Amino acid sequence: MEQTYPNNRNLSGDISLVVAKGLELYGEGLVDDFQPQEGVSAVRSWNTKFGLLAGLFWVDPFGMSPVDLTLEYAFTNQFAYTHRELSVTYDDRGLPLGHRIGTDAESVAVRLFYRQAARLTHSLFVERRVDGEGGLRLPRGITPGNAVDKWEYLSGDRRGLVTTEYAGRWISAHGAFVSARVGYQWGTHVNERSLDDPFYASFCVGLLPGR
């Protein structure tokens, strides 16, 4: 449990379970400012800020070797990571100090990781993400529209995004590496299906620490 501001506490925990050889189930939960005095209704109170994550990690799925499969679901409610004092919002230069989807969002993602050789790997990532109108800098009451008593599932006008990405990496025997990443994104809402920059790519050359 952590206290970063008077009357501001959060609690998180995680669990993993190996259910078969090479198959692991895992999950994580975050609760911030839970209000137990409100009873069952506290779950829907705007004061209760939380996030959930559930996933599956499978080595050599369906006999495909050497391949790893990760399937993951994540959700953060409308006011997760926010605080009425913006100076103690759970962010760093606009990025969440938590799950990468930030606030008021839901994600379903799958990743295939292939080890072609000892020093050459490939991965394929596909994600469908939906964002509500909430944000790290939009605590409850900051605008008339979000002065609500109960948090809303993916609040307001939802924005959907599908991402497909390929990444590859090669590491030399001396620790030098070359990595590349290329992806394509498109919106799932009518007004967002054509993005200004649907393609993205990056290239990196470096040396691993300690080499």
Protein backbone atom coordinates (compact mmCIF):
# COMPACT_ATOMS: atom_id res chain seq x y z
CA MET A 1 0.00 0.00 0.00
CA GLU A 2 1.31 3.43 -0.91
CA GLN A 3 0.47 6.90 0.36
CA THR A 4 1.46 9.77 -1.92
CA TYR A 5 -0.99 12.44 -0.73
CA PRO A 6 -3.18 12.90 2.36
CA ASN A 7 -6.08 10.42 2.13
CA ASN A 8 -4.76 9.03 -1.16
CA ARG A 9 -3.95 5.32 -1.09
CA ASN A 10 -3.88 2.55 -3.65
CA LEU A 11 -3.61 -1.20 -3.43
CA SER A 12 -2.56 -3.65 -6.14
CA GLY A 13 -1.84 -7.35 -6.35
CA ASP A 14 -1.08 -10.01 -8.91
CA ILE A 15 -1.36 -13.77 -9.22
CA SER A 16 -0.13 -16.41 -11.64
CA LEU A 17 -0.97 -20.07 -11.96
CA VAL A 18 0.76 -22.74 -14.03
CA VAL A 19 -2.12 -24.97 -15.09
CA ALA A 20 -0.17 -27.29 -17.40
CA LYS A 21 3.32 -27.69 -18.78
CA GLY A 22 4.14 -24.48 -20.64
CA LEU A 23 0.74 -22.88 -19.89
CA GLU A 24 0.38 -20.05 -17.38
CA LEU A 25 -2.63 -17.95 -16.42
CA TYR A 26 -2.04 -14.62 -14.72
CA GLY A 27 -3.94 -11.61 -13.47
CA GLU A 28 -3.51 -8.29 -11.72
CA GLY A 29 -5.80 -5.81 -10.00
CA LEU A 30 -5.48 -2.20 -8.86
CA VAL A 31 -7.87 -0.40 -6.49
CA ASP A 32 -7.50 3.27 -5.61
CA ASP A 33 -9.67 5.24 -3.16
CA PHE A 34 -12.12 2.37 -2.54
CA GLN A 35 -15.07 3.44 -0.36
CA PRO A 36 -16.13 0.37 1.71
CA GLN A 37 -18.50 2.46 3.82
CA GLU A 38 -20.76 2.70 0.78
CA GLY A 39 -21.32 -1.05 0.73
CA VAL A 40 -21.94 -2.88 -2.55
CA SER A 41 -22.63 0.40 -4.34
CA ALA A 42 -18.98 1.37 -3.78
CA VAL A 43 -18.06 -0.70 -6.83
CA ARG A 44 -19.83 1.83 -9.07
CA SER A 45 -18.95 4.95 -7.08
CA TRP A 46 -16.88 7.53 -8.95
CA ASN A 47 -14.51 7.42 -5.95
CA THR A 48 -13.57 3.82 -6.69
CA LYS A 49 -10.82 3.83 -9.29
CA PHE A 50 -9.57 0.48 -10.49
CA GLY A 51 -7.92 -1.53 -13.22
CA LEU A 52 -7.99 -5.21 -14.16
CA LEU A 53 -5.65 -7.36 -16.21
CA ALA A 54 -5.98 -11.05 -17.16
CA GLY A 55 -3.73 -13.02 -19.45
CA LEU A 56 -2.52 -16.32 -20.77
CA PHE A 57 1.07 -17.25 -21.64
CA TRP A 58 1.55 -20.46 -23.62
CA VAL A 59 4.89 -21.96 -24.65
CA ASP A 60 4.79 -23.96 -27.92
CA PRO A 61 1.01 -23.58 -28.42
CA PHE A 62 -0.64 -26.38 -30.40
CA GLY A 63 2.79 -27.98 -30.76
CA MET A 64 4.27 -25.00 -32.65
CA SER A 65 7.90 -24.75 -31.54
CA PRO A 66 9.74 -22.56 -30.73
CA VAL A 67 6.78 -20.15 -30.40
CA ASP A 68 5.29 -18.32 -27.41
CA LEU A 69 1.70 -17.06 -27.38
CA THR A 70 0.44 -14.28 -25.10
CA LEU A 71 -3.24 -13.34 -24.92
CA GLU A 72 -4.14 -10.44 -22.65
CA TYR A 73 -7.16 -8.36 -21.60
CA ALA A 74 -6.86 -5.05 -19.74
CA PHE A 75 -9.41 -2.53 -18.46
CA THR A 76 -9.17 0.73 -16.51
CA ASN A 77 -12.28 2.56 -15.38
CA GLN A 78 -13.19 6.20 -15.98
CA PHE A 79 -11.12 7.83 -13.25
CA ALA A 80 -8.28 5.31 -12.77
CA TYR A 81 -4.87 6.97 -12.18
CA THR A 82 -6.52 10.39 -11.77
CA HIS A 83 -6.51 12.67 -8.71
CA ARG A 84 -8.19 15.96 -7.98
CA GLU A 85 -4.73 17.42 -7.36
CA LEU A 86 -3.12 17.23 -10.81
CA SER A 87 0.35 17.42 -9.27
CA VAL A 88 -0.06 13.86 -7.90
CA THR A 89 -1.76 12.27 -10.89
CA TYR A 90 -0.22 8.88 -11.66
CA ASP A 91 1.60 10.01 -14.78
CA ASP A 92 5.02 11.12 -15.96
CA ARG A 93 5.06 13.75 -18.71
CA GLY A 94 1.66 12.62 -19.92
CA LEU A 95 2.37 8.87 -19.80
CA PRO A 96 0.61 6.64 -17.23
CA LEU A 97 2.55 5.21 -14.30
CA GLY A 98 0.67 1.97 -14.77
CA HIS A 99 -0.69 0.07 -17.73
CA ARG A 100 0.12 1.61 -21.09
CA ILE A 101 -3.57 2.05 -22.06
CA GLY A 102 -3.94 4.76 -19.42
CA THR A 103 -7.36 5.81 -18.14
CA ASP A 104 -10.89 4.86 -19.24
CA ALA A 105 -9.80 2.23 -21.74
CA GLU A 106 -10.07 -1.44 -22.68
CA SER A 107 -7.67 -3.62 -24.65
CA VAL A 108 -7.61 -7.15 -26.05
CA ALA A 109 -4.22 -8.12 -27.44
CA VAL A 110 -2.41 -11.17 -28.76
CA ARG A 111 1.30 -11.59 -29.40
CA LEU A 112 3.17 -14.42 -31.13
CA PHE A 113 6.90 -14.61 -30.39
CA TYR A 114 9.10 -16.80 -32.63
CA ARG A 115 12.72 -17.72 -31.88
CA GLN A 116 14.11 -18.45 -35.32
CA ALA A 117 17.63 -18.91 -33.96
CA ALA A 118 19.56 -18.34 -30.74
CA ARG A 119 20.11 -14.69 -31.60
CA LEU A 120 17.25 -13.95 -34.05
CA THR A 121 13.65 -13.42 -32.95
CA HIS A 122 10.40 -12.21 -34.50
CA SER A 123 7.09 -11.15 -33.01
CA LEU A 124 3.62 -10.36 -34.33
CA PHE A 125 1.30 -8.20 -32.23
CA VAL A 126 -2.42 -7.50 -32.79
CA GLU A 127 -4.53 -5.34 -30.48
CA ARG A 128 -8.04 -3.94 -30.43
CA ARG A 129 -8.27 -0.99 -28.06
CA VAL A 130 -11.24 1.20 -27.13
CA ASP A 131 -10.90 4.52 -25.26
CA GLY A 132 -13.59 6.53 -23.54
CA GLU A 133 -13.43 10.29 -23.10
CA GLY A 134 -11.61 10.08 -19.76
CA GLY A 135 -7.98 11.06 -19.37
CA LEU A 136 -5.12 11.20 -16.90
CA ARG A 137 -5.66 14.94 -16.49
CA LEU A 138 -9.46 14.73 -16.31
CA PRO A 139 -10.36 13.92 -12.70
CA ARG A 140 -14.02 13.82 -11.69
CA GLY A 141 -15.59 17.28 -11.60
CA ILE A 142 -13.01 19.07 -13.73
CA THR A 143 -15.67 19.58 -16.43
CA PRO A 144 -19.47 19.74 -16.09
CA GLY A 145 -19.77 16.65 -18.26
CA ASN A 146 -17.85 14.37 -15.90
CA ALA A 147 -19.26 15.58 -12.55
CA VAL A 148 -20.96 12.20 -12.11
CA ASP A 149 -21.78 10.09 -9.05
CA LYS A 150 -20.99 6.79 -10.77
CA TRP A 151 -18.18 6.00 -13.18
CA GLU A 152 -19.24 5.11 -16.72
CA TYR A 153 -17.93 2.13 -18.68
CA LEU A 154 -15.81 3.62 -21.50
CA SER A 155 -17.41 7.00 -20.96
CA GLY A 156 -18.77 9.35 -23.60
CA ASP A 157 -17.89 9.03 -27.26
CA ARG A 158 -15.78 5.91 -27.65
CA ARG A 159 -12.76 5.76 -29.93
CA GLY A 160 -11.58 2.40 -31.24
CA LEU A 161 -8.18 1.51 -32.66
CA VAL A 162 -6.80 -1.72 -34.14
CA THR A 163 -3.03 -2.15 -34.30
CA THR A 164 -1.01 -4.80 -36.13
CA GLU A 165 2.75 -4.79 -35.63
CA TYR A 166 5.80 -6.84 -36.63
CA ALA A 167 9.06 -6.62 -34.69
CA GLY A 168 12.37 -8.36 -35.28
CA ARG A 169 15.67 -8.42 -33.41
CA TRP A 170 19.14 -9.84 -34.05
CA ILE A 171 21.90 -9.96 -31.42
CA SER A 172 25.53 -10.65 -32.27
CA ALA A 173 27.82 -12.87 -30.21
CA HIS A 174 29.44 -9.70 -28.81
CA GLY A 175 26.18 -8.09 -27.69
CA ALA A 176 25.57 -5.67 -30.56
CA PHE A 177 21.96 -5.72 -31.73
CA VAL A 178 19.74 -4.54 -34.55
CA SER A 179 15.98 -4.22 -34.07
CA ALA A 180 13.19 -3.08 -36.34
CA ARG A 181 9.49 -2.45 -35.86
CA VAL A 182 6.74 -1.71 -38.37
CA GLY A 183 3.00 -1.39 -37.81
CA TYR A 184 -0.32 -0.33 -39.21
CA GLN A 185 -3.32 1.14 -37.37
CA TRP A 186 -6.90 1.89 -38.27
CA GLY A 187 -9.89 3.27 -36.39
CA THR A 188 -13.02 1.22 -35.78
CA HIS A 189 -15.37 4.22 -35.70
CA VAL A 190 -16.79 5.61 -38.95
CA ASN A 191 -15.05 8.97 -38.57
CA GLU A 192 -11.71 7.43 -37.60
CA ARG A 193 -11.18 4.62 -40.09
CA SER A 194 -8.78 6.71 -42.13
CA LEU A 195 -5.93 7.90 -39.89
CA ASP A 196 -3.52 10.64 -40.93
CA ASP A 197 -0.50 8.39 -40.22
CA PRO A 198 -1.66 4.76 -40.26
CA PHE A 199 1.85 3.37 -40.80
CA TYR A 200 4.71 3.62 -38.33
CA ALA A 201 8.21 2.17 -38.22
CA SER A 202 11.36 2.34 -36.14
CA PHE A 203 14.91 1.04 -36.43
CA CYS A 204 17.51 0.75 -33.71
CA VAL A 205 21.17 -0.31 -33.46
CA GLY A 206 22.91 -0.63 -30.11
CA LEU A 207 24.98 -2.61 -27.62
CA LEU A 208 23.52 -4.59 -24.72
CA PRO A 209 24.66 -3.50 -21.22
CA GLY A 210 27.63 -5.38 -19.82
CA ARG A 211 29.04 -6.27 -23.21
